[in-house]
Amino acid sequence: MALLQVAKLGDPILRQKAELVDLEFLNSQDNKMQALIDDMIETMREEDGVGLAAPQVFQSLRLVVIECSLNERYSEAPNIPLTILINPSIKYYGEDTVSGWEGCLSLKDLRGLVPRSSKIIVEYFDRKGDPVTVNAEGFLAVVLQHEIDHLDGKVFLDRMTDLSQLAYVEEFEKYIADKKTLEAESP
């Protein structure tokens, strides 16, 4: 396994729509796709993220890894077991929205208040190529929307409705998080 470089905002890869993963390559003899998945998991953990999309590591593929467990950046967040999502697609957005403070490994020094659907339904293939449907709520729904946005060339800034609610991490921690206005920090 190897740590991968994370693309930063401004790199064109973050604004491209990612290509579908050919499921035949998941278990091919050369195991390049499985190696990429392992490297993405290692990189996400090393960077203290709860999710990482393939475009963030310079791969234009519809591939996401997520996990939240004993994460220092998200100590209040519920546990999310390690999940690999291949060719994920959001099939339903609930009408109710929640606003939460999001960060991103590709915009590492920023936090922004982002509205998201509180409930979604996502269809994807797992690491073995088996189809999965998940009904996600709360933090998991936010994480999934954030990461799937990366596959469509979007970052959390694109979802913000009020750019006055954008802050550098240091100022966020000093002026916003300490005032207990934080509802739930997300990816």
Protein backbone atom coordinates (compact mmCIF):
# COMPACT_ATOMS: atom_id res chain seq x y z
CA MET A 1 0.00 0.00 0.00
CA ALA A 2 1.04 3.57 -0.58
CA LEU A 3 -0.03 7.04 0.44
CA LEU A 4 -1.44 9.04 -2.44
CA GLN A 5 -1.16 12.76 -3.09
CA VAL A 6 -4.43 14.64 -2.54
CA ALA A 7 -5.52 17.09 -5.26
CA LYS A 8 -6.14 20.63 -4.03
CA LEU A 9 -8.83 23.05 -5.18
CA GLY A 10 -7.77 24.56 -8.49
CA ASP A 11 -6.57 21.28 -9.97
CA PRO A 12 -8.82 20.55 -12.98
CA ILE A 13 -9.40 16.92 -11.91
CA LEU A 14 -11.65 18.14 -9.10
CA ARG A 15 -14.02 19.78 -11.61
CA GLN A 16 -14.36 16.82 -14.00
CA LYS A 17 -17.20 14.33 -14.00
CA ALA A 18 -15.61 11.00 -13.09
CA GLU A 19 -15.92 7.96 -15.35
CA LEU A 20 -17.78 4.79 -14.41
CA VAL A 21 -15.64 1.95 -13.08
CA ASP A 22 -15.71 -1.13 -15.30
CA LEU A 23 -16.73 -3.81 -12.81
CA GLU A 24 -14.77 -6.45 -14.75
CA PHE A 25 -11.57 -4.79 -13.54
CA LEU A 26 -12.47 -5.17 -9.86
CA ASN A 27 -11.16 -8.69 -9.58
CA SER A 28 -8.85 -8.87 -12.57
CA GLN A 29 -5.52 -10.65 -12.34
CA ASP A 30 -3.42 -7.50 -12.00
CA ASN A 31 -5.48 -6.22 -9.01
CA LYS A 32 -4.80 -2.55 -9.90
CA MET A 33 -8.31 -1.51 -8.84
CA GLN A 34 -8.05 -3.34 -5.51
CA ALA A 35 -4.62 -1.75 -4.94
CA LEU A 36 -6.09 1.69 -5.65
CA ILE A 37 -8.87 1.03 -3.14
CA ASP A 38 -6.31 -0.02 -0.50
CA ASP A 39 -4.19 3.08 -1.20
CA MET A 40 -7.25 5.33 -0.93
CA ILE A 41 -8.17 3.79 2.44
CA GLU A 42 -4.63 4.29 3.72
CA THR A 43 -4.55 7.89 2.46
CA MET A 44 -7.96 8.72 3.97
CA ARG A 45 -6.87 7.37 7.36
CA GLU A 46 -3.50 9.11 7.26
CA GLU A 47 -5.19 12.44 6.43
CA ASP A 48 -7.83 11.97 9.20
CA GLY A 49 -10.66 12.12 6.69
CA VAL A 50 -13.99 10.31 6.84
CA GLY A 51 -14.22 9.99 3.08
CA LEU A 52 -12.12 10.15 -0.04
CA ALA A 53 -13.21 10.14 -3.68
CA ALA A 54 -10.97 8.88 -6.48
CA PRO A 55 -10.78 12.29 -8.24
CA GLN A 56 -9.18 13.63 -5.05
CA VAL A 57 -6.24 11.30 -5.71
CA PHE A 58 -6.04 12.13 -9.42
CA GLN A 59 -8.13 9.18 -10.64
CA SER A 60 -11.19 10.12 -12.72
CA LEU A 61 -13.23 7.16 -11.48
CA ARG A 62 -16.58 6.86 -9.69
CA LEU A 63 -15.04 5.35 -6.58
CA VAL A 64 -15.40 6.45 -2.94
CA VAL A 65 -14.13 5.13 0.38
CA ILE A 66 -15.66 6.22 3.70
CA GLU A 67 -15.06 5.37 7.35
CA CYS A 68 -15.50 7.13 10.67
CA SER A 69 -14.19 5.51 13.80
CA LEU A 70 -12.04 7.07 16.48
CA ASN A 71 -11.40 10.03 14.20
CA GLU A 72 -9.87 12.99 16.03
CA ARG A 73 -11.36 15.53 13.57
CA TYR A 74 -14.85 14.08 14.05
CA SER A 75 -14.89 12.94 17.67
CA GLU A 76 -18.63 13.65 18.04
CA ALA A 77 -19.61 11.84 14.83
CA PRO A 78 -21.22 8.40 14.84
CA ASN A 79 -19.19 5.44 13.68
CA ILE A 80 -19.34 4.56 10.00
CA PRO A 81 -17.79 1.19 9.12
CA LEU A 82 -15.31 1.07 6.27
CA THR A 83 -17.39 1.20 3.09
CA ILE A 84 -16.24 1.12 -0.52
CA LEU A 85 -18.68 2.59 -3.03
CA ILE A 86 -18.19 1.88 -6.72
CA ASN A 87 -20.32 3.80 -9.24
CA PRO A 88 -22.52 5.29 -6.49
CA SER A 89 -25.68 7.12 -7.46
CA ILE A 90 -28.11 9.03 -5.25
CA LYS A 91 -31.59 7.78 -6.14
CA TYR A 92 -33.59 9.84 -3.63
CA TYR A 93 -33.11 13.11 -1.77
CA GLY A 94 -35.35 13.73 1.24
CA GLU A 95 -37.13 17.08 1.43
CA ASP A 96 -35.77 17.96 4.89
CA THR A 97 -32.35 19.58 4.96
CA VAL A 98 -29.74 20.08 7.63
CA SER A 99 -26.91 22.57 7.65
CA GLY A 100 -23.55 21.45 8.97
CA TRP A 101 -19.97 22.61 8.90
CA GLU A 102 -17.99 20.72 6.29
CA GLY A 103 -14.33 20.45 5.55
CA CYS A 104 -12.53 18.63 2.76
CA LEU A 105 -9.11 17.08 2.24
CA SER A 106 -8.89 19.03 -1.03
CA LEU A 107 -9.68 22.32 0.77
CA LYS A 108 -7.91 21.36 3.96
CA ASP A 109 -7.74 24.76 5.63
CA LEU A 110 -11.42 25.73 5.12
CA ARG A 111 -14.77 25.01 6.78
CA GLY A 112 -18.15 26.04 5.41
CA LEU A 113 -21.77 25.79 6.47
CA VAL A 114 -23.47 23.58 3.88
CA PRO A 115 -27.14 22.59 3.53
CA ARG A 116 -27.72 18.91 2.65
CA SER A 117 -30.64 16.53 2.48
CA SER A 118 -31.03 14.76 5.81
CA LYS A 119 -32.11 11.49 4.15
CA ILE A 120 -30.98 9.93 0.90
CA ILE A 121 -31.01 6.58 -0.85
CA VAL A 122 -27.78 5.54 -2.57
CA GLU A 123 -27.18 2.61 -4.91
CA TYR A 124 -23.64 1.38 -5.55
CA PHE A 125 -21.48 -1.70 -6.00
CA ASP A 126 -19.26 -2.93 -3.20
CA ARG A 127 -15.63 -3.96 -3.46
CA LYS A 128 -16.61 -7.39 -4.78
CA GLY A 129 -18.95 -5.91 -7.39
CA ASP A 130 -22.16 -6.82 -5.57
CA PRO A 131 -25.02 -4.28 -5.76
CA VAL A 132 -25.94 -2.45 -2.54
CA THR A 133 -28.71 -0.01 -1.64
CA VAL A 134 -28.41 2.11 1.49
CA ASN A 135 -30.96 4.35 3.15
CA ALA A 136 -28.77 6.98 4.81
CA GLU A 137 -29.71 9.59 7.38
CA GLY A 138 -27.88 12.27 9.34
CA PHE A 139 -24.10 12.29 9.27
CA LEU A 140 -23.84 9.31 6.89
CA ALA A 141 -26.18 11.04 4.42
CA VAL A 142 -24.04 14.18 4.54
CA VAL A 143 -20.79 12.25 4.06
CA LEU A 144 -22.21 10.37 1.09
CA GLN A 145 -23.50 13.54 -0.58
CA HIS A 146 -20.15 15.28 -0.02
CA GLU A 147 -18.14 12.44 -1.55
CA ILE A 148 -20.51 11.75 -4.45
CA ASP A 149 -20.36 15.47 -5.26
CA HIS A 150 -16.63 14.96 -5.93
CA LEU A 151 -17.54 12.40 -8.60
CA ASP A 152 -19.62 15.07 -10.34
CA GLY A 153 -16.92 17.75 -10.23
CA LYS A 154 -18.32 19.60 -7.23
CA VAL A 155 -16.84 20.67 -3.90
CA PHE A 156 -18.70 21.80 -0.79
CA LEU A 157 -18.22 25.47 -1.73
CA ASP A 158 -20.59 24.88 -4.66
CA ARG A 159 -23.36 23.87 -2.23
CA MET A 160 -22.97 26.79 0.17
CA THR A 161 -25.80 29.33 0.12
CA ASP A 162 -24.00 31.96 2.22
CA LEU A 163 -20.28 32.49 1.68
CA SER A 164 -20.11 34.60 4.84
CA GLN A 165 -20.28 31.19 6.56
CA LEU A 166 -16.88 30.17 5.16
CA ALA A 167 -13.87 30.24 7.47
CA TYR A 168 -10.31 29.07 7.79
CA VAL A 169 -10.00 26.18 10.26
CA GLU A 170 -8.05 28.23 12.81
CA GLU A 171 -10.66 31.01 12.86
CA PHE A 172 -13.49 28.46 12.75
CA GLU A 173 -12.15 26.82 15.90
CA LYS A 174 -11.55 30.17 17.60
CA TYR A 175 -14.77 32.01 16.75
CA ILE A 176 -17.38 29.49 15.68
CA ALA A 177 -16.80 26.07 17.22
CA ASP A 178 -16.03 27.57 20.63
CA LYS A 179 -19.35 29.41 20.61
CA LYS A 180 -21.23 26.11 20.38
CA THR A 181 -22.94 27.12 17.12
CA LEU A 182 -21.62 23.98 15.53
CA GLU A 183 -24.43 21.53 14.81
CA ALA A 184 -22.42 18.73 13.28
CA GLU A 185 -19.13 18.92 11.48
CA SER A 186 -19.03 16.75 8.41
CA PRO A 187 -16.50 15.61 5.83
